Amino acid sequence: MASVTEDEVEQVRALVAAIPVGQVTTYGDLAAAVGLSSPRIVGWIMRTDSADLPWHRVISASGRPAAHLAGRQLERLLGEGVPVRDGKVVLRECRWDVPGR
């Protein structure tokens, strides 16, 4: 993704690192806070550079985890007390107010 600067990557990483236990945020919230044009850019950053971050606290706006991560992600979130119903995170009960958004 050539249109992403190293500074933007670091801003996303810093925000993800700051998400409190028991809360989640969306790819779109992070993109808006950093000024990125698309939530997909945040997804790309997360796929390539998030092993040391609480990646499980970033979720789609629908509240559904990515299919290939659903089991691991929901297990971790439930362990932190995040409300999950019918395989979806209940965003209105645990959505983190991202600084800058």
N, C-alpha and C. Protein backbone atom coordinates (compact mmCIF):
# COMPACT_ATOMS: atom_id res chain seq x y z
N MET A 1 0.84 -1.17 0.00
CA MET A 1 0.00 0.00 0.00
C MET A 1 0.88 1.24 0.00
N ALA A 2 1.19 1.72 -1.16
CA ALA A 2 2.16 2.80 -1.32
C ALA A 2 1.68 4.13 -0.76
N SER A 3 0.38 4.33 -0.63
CA SER A 3 -0.13 5.62 -0.20
C SER A 3 -0.11 5.82 1.32
N VAL A 4 0.40 4.85 2.06
CA VAL A 4 0.44 4.95 3.51
C VAL A 4 1.85 5.32 3.94
N THR A 5 1.95 6.36 4.76
CA THR A 5 3.27 6.77 5.24
C THR A 5 3.63 6.00 6.50
N GLU A 6 4.90 5.98 6.81
CA GLU A 6 5.37 5.32 8.03
C GLU A 6 4.74 5.98 9.26
N ASP A 7 4.56 7.30 9.20
CA ASP A 7 3.93 8.02 10.30
C ASP A 7 2.49 7.56 10.51
N GLU A 8 1.76 7.36 9.42
CA GLU A 8 0.38 6.88 9.54
C GLU A 8 0.33 5.47 10.13
N VAL A 9 1.25 4.63 9.70
CA VAL A 9 1.32 3.27 10.25
C VAL A 9 1.57 3.36 11.75
N GLU A 10 2.50 4.21 12.16
CA GLU A 10 2.82 4.34 13.58
C GLU A 10 1.65 4.93 14.38
N GLN A 11 0.89 5.84 13.77
CA GLN A 11 -0.28 6.39 14.45
C GLN A 11 -1.33 5.31 14.69
N VAL A 12 -1.57 4.49 13.67
CA VAL A 12 -2.52 3.38 13.82
C VAL A 12 -2.03 2.44 14.91
N ARG A 13 -0.76 2.08 14.86
CA ARG A 13 -0.20 1.16 15.87
C ARG A 13 -0.36 1.73 17.28
N ALA A 14 -0.09 3.02 17.44
CA ALA A 14 -0.19 3.65 18.77
C ALA A 14 -1.63 3.62 19.27
N LEU A 15 -2.58 3.88 18.39
CA LEU A 15 -3.99 3.86 18.80
C LEU A 15 -4.42 2.44 19.17
N VAL A 16 -4.04 1.46 18.38
CA VAL A 16 -4.40 0.08 18.69
C VAL A 16 -3.80 -0.32 20.04
N ALA A 17 -2.56 0.07 20.28
CA ALA A 17 -1.91 -0.26 21.56
C ALA A 17 -2.64 0.38 22.74
N ALA A 18 -3.35 1.48 22.50
CA ALA A 18 -4.02 2.22 23.57
C ALA A 18 -5.45 1.75 23.86
N ILE A 19 -5.98 0.85 23.04
CA ILE A 19 -7.36 0.38 23.26
C ILE A 19 -7.41 -0.34 24.61
N PRO A 20 -8.26 0.13 25.51
CA PRO A 20 -8.32 -0.49 26.84
C PRO A 20 -8.87 -1.92 26.82
N VAL A 21 -8.44 -2.71 27.76
CA VAL A 21 -8.98 -4.05 27.96
C VAL A 21 -10.50 -3.93 28.14
N GLY A 22 -11.24 -4.80 27.47
CA GLY A 22 -12.69 -4.81 27.60
C GLY A 22 -13.40 -3.86 26.65
N GLN A 23 -12.63 -3.19 25.79
CA GLN A 23 -13.23 -2.31 24.79
C GLN A 23 -12.71 -2.68 23.42
N VAL A 24 -13.44 -2.24 22.39
CA VAL A 24 -13.04 -2.47 21.00
C VAL A 24 -13.21 -1.18 20.22
N THR A 25 -12.62 -1.16 19.05
CA THR A 25 -12.85 -0.08 18.11
C THR A 25 -12.96 -0.69 16.72
N THR A 26 -13.34 0.13 15.76
CA THR A 26 -13.51 -0.38 14.40
C THR A 26 -12.38 0.10 13.50
N TYR A 27 -12.23 -0.60 12.39
CA TYR A 27 -11.26 -0.18 11.39
C TYR A 27 -11.57 1.25 10.93
N GLY A 28 -12.86 1.54 10.77
CA GLY A 28 -13.27 2.88 10.33
C GLY A 28 -12.97 3.96 11.34
N ASP A 29 -13.16 3.66 12.64
CA ASP A 29 -12.84 4.64 13.68
C ASP A 29 -11.35 4.98 13.64
N LEU A 30 -10.52 3.96 13.49
CA LEU A 30 -9.08 4.20 13.44
C LEU A 30 -8.69 4.99 12.19
N ALA A 31 -9.29 4.63 11.05
CA ALA A 31 -8.99 5.35 9.81
C ALA A 31 -9.36 6.83 9.95
N ALA A 32 -10.53 7.11 10.52
CA ALA A 32 -10.97 8.50 10.69
C ALA A 32 -10.03 9.26 11.62
N ALA A 33 -9.59 8.62 12.69
CA ALA A 33 -8.72 9.29 13.66
C ALA A 33 -7.37 9.66 13.06
N VAL A 34 -6.88 8.82 12.16
CA VAL A 34 -5.56 9.05 11.56
C VAL A 34 -5.66 9.85 10.27
N GLY A 35 -6.87 9.96 9.72
CA GLY A 35 -7.05 10.69 8.46
C GLY A 35 -6.80 9.85 7.23
N LEU A 36 -6.98 8.55 7.36
CA LEU A 36 -6.82 7.65 6.22
C LEU A 36 -8.10 7.62 5.40
N SER A 37 -7.99 7.37 4.13
CA SER A 37 -9.13 7.44 3.23
C SER A 37 -10.07 6.24 3.32
N SER A 38 -9.60 5.13 3.92
CA SER A 38 -10.42 3.92 3.93
C SER A 38 -10.10 3.03 5.12
N PRO A 39 -11.12 2.41 5.70
CA PRO A 39 -10.86 1.42 6.75
C PRO A 39 -10.01 0.25 6.25
N ARG A 40 -10.05 0.00 4.97
CA ARG A 40 -9.26 -1.11 4.41
C ARG A 40 -7.76 -0.89 4.60
N ILE A 41 -7.35 0.38 4.65
CA ILE A 41 -5.93 0.67 4.88
C ILE A 41 -5.55 0.21 6.29
N VAL A 42 -6.42 0.45 7.25
CA VAL A 42 -6.17 -0.01 8.62
C VAL A 42 -6.10 -1.54 8.63
N GLY A 43 -6.99 -2.19 7.90
CA GLY A 43 -6.96 -3.64 7.79
C GLY A 43 -5.64 -4.13 7.24
N TRP A 44 -5.13 -3.45 6.23
CA TRP A 44 -3.84 -3.81 5.65
C TRP A 44 -2.73 -3.66 6.68
N ILE A 45 -2.73 -2.55 7.40
CA ILE A 45 -1.72 -2.33 8.43
C ILE A 45 -1.80 -3.43 9.48
N MET A 46 -3.02 -3.76 9.90
CA MET A 46 -3.20 -4.78 10.93
C MET A 46 -2.72 -6.16 10.45
N ARG A 47 -2.94 -6.46 9.18
CA ARG A 47 -2.50 -7.75 8.65
C ARG A 47 -0.99 -7.85 8.57
N THR A 48 -0.32 -6.71 8.34
CA THR A 48 1.11 -6.77 8.10
C THR A 48 1.96 -6.38 9.31
N ASP A 49 1.34 -5.75 10.32
CA ASP A 49 2.19 -5.18 11.38
C ASP A 49 1.44 -5.09 12.71
N SER A 50 0.91 -6.21 13.21
CA SER A 50 0.17 -6.10 14.48
C SER A 50 0.42 -7.26 15.44
N ALA A 51 1.43 -8.07 15.18
CA ALA A 51 1.67 -9.24 16.02
C ALA A 51 1.85 -8.87 17.49
N ASP A 52 2.43 -7.70 17.76
CA ASP A 52 2.71 -7.29 19.13
C ASP A 52 1.64 -6.38 19.71
N LEU A 53 0.51 -6.27 19.02
CA LEU A 53 -0.57 -5.38 19.44
C LEU A 53 -1.82 -6.18 19.83
N PRO A 54 -2.75 -5.54 20.56
CA PRO A 54 -4.02 -6.21 20.87
C PRO A 54 -4.95 -6.17 19.66
N TRP A 55 -4.54 -6.86 18.60
CA TRP A 55 -5.25 -6.88 17.32
C TRP A 55 -6.71 -7.30 17.47
N HIS A 56 -6.97 -8.14 18.46
CA HIS A 56 -8.32 -8.68 18.64
C HIS A 56 -9.32 -7.60 19.05
N ARG A 57 -8.86 -6.43 19.46
CA ARG A 57 -9.76 -5.35 19.86
C ARG A 57 -10.18 -4.46 18.70
N VAL A 58 -9.75 -4.79 17.50
CA VAL A 58 -10.16 -4.05 16.29
C VAL A 58 -11.09 -4.94 15.50
N ILE A 59 -12.26 -4.40 15.17
CA ILE A 59 -13.32 -5.22 14.57
C ILE A 59 -14.04 -4.41 13.50
N SER A 60 -14.76 -5.08 12.65
CA SER A 60 -15.52 -4.37 11.61
C SER A 60 -16.69 -3.62 12.24
N ALA A 61 -17.22 -2.66 11.53
CA ALA A 61 -18.34 -1.86 12.03
C ALA A 61 -19.59 -2.70 12.26
N SER A 62 -19.66 -3.87 11.64
CA SER A 62 -20.80 -4.75 11.84
C SER A 62 -20.73 -5.48 13.19
N GLY A 63 -19.55 -5.45 13.81
CA GLY A 63 -19.35 -6.18 15.05
C GLY A 63 -18.90 -7.61 14.85
N ARG A 64 -18.85 -8.05 13.60
CA ARG A 64 -18.43 -9.42 13.30
C ARG A 64 -16.92 -9.48 13.10
N PRO A 65 -16.28 -10.46 13.70
CA PRO A 65 -14.84 -10.64 13.45
C PRO A 65 -14.63 -11.22 12.05
N ALA A 66 -13.40 -11.12 11.58
CA ALA A 66 -13.06 -11.74 10.31
C ALA A 66 -13.25 -13.24 10.44
N ALA A 67 -13.81 -13.86 9.42
CA ALA A 67 -14.15 -15.28 9.48
C ALA A 67 -12.96 -16.15 9.87
N HIS A 68 -11.79 -15.86 9.32
CA HIS A 68 -10.62 -16.70 9.59
C HIS A 68 -10.06 -16.49 11.00
N LEU A 69 -10.51 -15.44 11.71
CA LEU A 69 -10.03 -15.17 13.06
C LEU A 69 -11.13 -15.29 14.11
N ALA A 70 -12.35 -15.56 13.69
CA ALA A 70 -13.51 -15.45 14.58
C ALA A 70 -13.34 -16.19 15.89
N GLY A 71 -12.95 -17.44 15.84
CA GLY A 71 -12.83 -18.22 17.07
C GLY A 71 -11.84 -17.61 18.04
N ARG A 72 -10.64 -17.36 17.57
CA ARG A 72 -9.58 -16.78 18.43
C ARG A 72 -9.97 -15.40 18.92
N GLN A 73 -10.49 -14.57 18.01
CA GLN A 73 -10.81 -13.19 18.37
C GLN A 73 -11.93 -13.14 19.41
N LEU A 74 -13.01 -13.86 19.18
CA LEU A 74 -14.12 -13.83 20.13
C LEU A 74 -13.72 -14.43 21.48
N GLU A 75 -12.92 -15.47 21.46
CA GLU A 75 -12.45 -16.07 22.72
C GLU A 75 -11.66 -15.05 23.54
N ARG A 76 -10.77 -14.33 22.89
CA ARG A 76 -9.97 -13.33 23.60
C ARG A 76 -10.85 -12.19 24.11
N LEU A 77 -11.77 -11.73 23.27
CA LEU A 77 -12.64 -10.63 23.67
C LEU A 77 -13.55 -11.04 24.84
N LEU A 78 -14.12 -12.23 24.76
CA LEU A 78 -14.96 -12.72 25.87
C LEU A 78 -14.15 -12.80 27.16
N GLY A 79 -12.90 -13.21 27.04
CA GLY A 79 -12.02 -13.29 28.20
C GLY A 79 -11.75 -11.94 28.84
N GLU A 80 -11.91 -10.88 28.06
CA GLU A 80 -11.71 -9.52 28.57
C GLU A 80 -13.03 -8.88 29.02
N GLY A 81 -14.13 -9.63 28.89
CA GLY A 81 -15.41 -9.10 29.32
C GLY A 81 -16.17 -8.33 28.26
N VAL A 82 -15.74 -8.42 27.01
CA VAL A 82 -16.45 -7.74 25.92
C VAL A 82 -17.76 -8.48 25.66
N PRO A 83 -18.88 -7.74 25.58
CA PRO A 83 -20.16 -8.40 25.33
C PRO A 83 -20.27 -8.91 23.89
N VAL A 84 -20.60 -10.18 23.76
CA VAL A 84 -20.75 -10.82 22.45
C VAL A 84 -22.09 -11.52 22.43
N ARG A 85 -22.88 -11.26 21.39
CA ARG A 85 -24.17 -11.95 21.22
C ARG A 85 -24.27 -12.46 19.79
N ASP A 86 -24.63 -13.71 19.67
CA ASP A 86 -24.80 -14.34 18.35
C ASP A 86 -23.57 -14.16 17.46
N GLY A 87 -22.39 -14.29 18.04
CA GLY A 87 -21.15 -14.19 17.28
C GLY A 87 -20.73 -12.79 16.89
N LYS A 88 -21.40 -11.78 17.46
CA LYS A 88 -21.08 -10.39 17.16
C LYS A 88 -20.78 -9.63 18.44
N VAL A 89 -19.82 -8.72 18.36
CA VAL A 89 -19.52 -7.82 19.47
C VAL A 89 -20.63 -6.78 19.55
N VAL A 90 -21.11 -6.51 20.75
CA VAL A 90 -22.15 -5.50 20.96
C VAL A 90 -21.45 -4.14 21.10
N LEU A 91 -21.23 -3.50 19.95
CA LEU A 91 -20.41 -2.29 19.91
C LEU A 91 -20.95 -1.19 20.81
N ARG A 92 -22.26 -1.02 20.89
CA ARG A 92 -22.80 0.09 21.67
C ARG A 92 -22.45 -0.03 23.16
N GLU A 93 -22.05 -1.22 23.58
CA GLU A 93 -21.73 -1.44 24.99
C GLU A 93 -20.23 -1.39 25.31
N CYS A 94 -19.39 -1.39 24.26
CA CYS A 94 -17.95 -1.49 24.55
C CYS A 94 -17.07 -0.75 23.55
N ARG A 95 -17.66 0.14 22.75
CA ARG A 95 -16.88 0.83 21.72
C ARG A 95 -16.03 1.93 22.35
N TRP A 96 -14.75 1.86 22.09
CA TRP A 96 -13.79 2.83 22.62
C TRP A 96 -13.91 4.13 21.85
N ASP A 97 -13.90 5.23 22.55
CA ASP A 97 -13.93 6.56 21.93
C ASP A 97 -12.51 6.91 21.51
N VAL A 98 -12.18 6.65 20.27
CA VAL A 98 -10.83 6.84 19.76
C VAL A 98 -10.45 8.33 19.79
N PRO A 99 -9.33 8.67 20.41
CA PRO A 99 -8.89 10.06 20.40
C PRO A 99 -8.67 10.55 18.96
N GLY A 100 -9.17 11.72 18.66
CA GLY A 100 -8.99 12.28 17.32
C GLY A 100 -10.10 11.97 16.36
N ARG A 101 -11.05 11.14 16.79
CA ARG A 101 -12.15 10.79 15.90
C ARG A 101 -13.32 11.70 16.13
